[in-house]
Amino acid sequence: MFEAAIVLLYGLVTAAAIAVTMLEGWANHDGLTLHRLAGLIACLLWPLTLVLFVLHGCVVRLLTRLSRSAA
């Protein structure tokens, strides 16, 4: 259940970012330029970096607890 909620949240954030990027291009009357395509790819990837930072923080906290309990 928790994994499904995380995937849903990731999808919602990604969809919102893609929608904003597409609306920006529509408002500027631009087509699908190379920069817009790079922005769309970034919309898919940037939430993943947030997940990696959160996981890194959890691992560091766990390792800190383990090293303190071993000492």
Protein backbone atom coordinates (compact mmCIF):
# COMPACT_ATOMS: atom_id res chain seq x y z
CA MET A 1 0.00 0.00 0.00
CA PHE A 2 2.80 2.42 0.91
CA GLU A 3 4.64 1.74 -2.34
CA ALA A 4 1.49 2.43 -4.34
CA ALA A 5 1.05 5.77 -2.57
CA ILE A 6 4.66 6.74 -3.31
CA VAL A 7 4.31 5.81 -6.98
CA LEU A 8 1.04 7.74 -7.19
CA LEU A 9 2.61 10.81 -5.58
CA TYR A 10 5.60 10.57 -7.92
CA GLY A 11 3.26 10.33 -10.91
CA LEU A 12 1.20 13.32 -9.77
CA VAL A 13 4.26 15.51 -9.29
CA THR A 14 5.64 14.44 -12.65
CA ALA A 15 2.32 15.03 -14.42
CA ALA A 16 2.02 18.50 -12.89
CA ALA A 17 5.55 19.42 -13.98
CA ILE A 18 4.94 18.13 -17.51
CA ALA A 19 1.64 20.05 -17.71
CA VAL A 20 3.32 23.29 -16.67
CA THR A 21 6.11 22.75 -19.20
CA MET A 22 3.64 22.06 -22.00
CA LEU A 23 1.47 25.07 -21.06
CA GLU A 24 4.52 27.30 -21.08
CA GLY A 25 5.34 26.19 -24.63
CA TRP A 26 1.74 26.67 -25.69
CA ALA A 27 1.61 30.18 -24.20
CA ASN A 28 4.81 31.14 -26.03
CA HIS A 29 3.51 29.62 -29.29
CA ASP A 30 6.58 27.41 -29.46
CA GLY A 31 6.62 23.96 -30.90
CA LEU A 32 8.49 21.03 -29.45
CA THR A 33 12.01 22.49 -29.38
CA LEU A 34 15.11 20.76 -28.12
CA HIS A 35 14.98 22.80 -24.90
CA ARG A 36 11.33 21.90 -24.35
CA LEU A 37 12.11 18.22 -24.90
CA ALA A 38 14.97 18.45 -22.39
CA GLY A 39 12.54 20.09 -19.95
CA LEU A 40 10.06 17.25 -20.38
CA ILE A 41 12.76 14.68 -19.70
CA ALA A 42 13.84 16.67 -16.64
CA CYS A 43 10.22 16.59 -15.41
CA LEU A 44 10.43 12.81 -15.39
CA LEU A 45 13.79 12.65 -13.63
CA TRP A 46 13.86 15.41 -10.99
CA PRO A 47 11.49 13.69 -8.55
CA LEU A 48 13.82 10.70 -8.68
CA THR A 49 16.69 12.84 -7.36
CA LEU A 50 14.46 13.91 -4.47
CA VAL A 51 13.78 10.26 -3.67
CA LEU A 52 17.53 9.54 -3.75
CA PHE A 53 18.25 12.38 -1.32
CA VAL A 54 15.58 11.11 1.09
CA LEU A 55 16.92 7.55 0.88
CA HIS A 56 20.45 8.82 1.44
CA GLY A 57 19.32 10.63 4.58
CA CYS A 58 17.61 7.48 5.87
CA VAL A 59 20.68 5.33 5.25
CA VAL A 60 23.00 7.84 6.93
CA ARG A 61 20.69 8.05 9.94
CA LEU A 62 20.54 4.25 10.17
CA LEU A 63 24.31 3.89 9.91
CA THR A 64 24.79 6.55 12.58
CA ARG A 65 22.48 4.68 14.96
CA LEU A 66 24.22 1.39 14.25
CA SER A 67 27.68 2.84 14.83
CA ARG A 68 26.59 4.45 18.13
CA SER A 69 25.02 1.23 19.41
CA ALA A 70 28.14 -0.78 18.52
CA ALA A 71 30.43 1.58 20.46
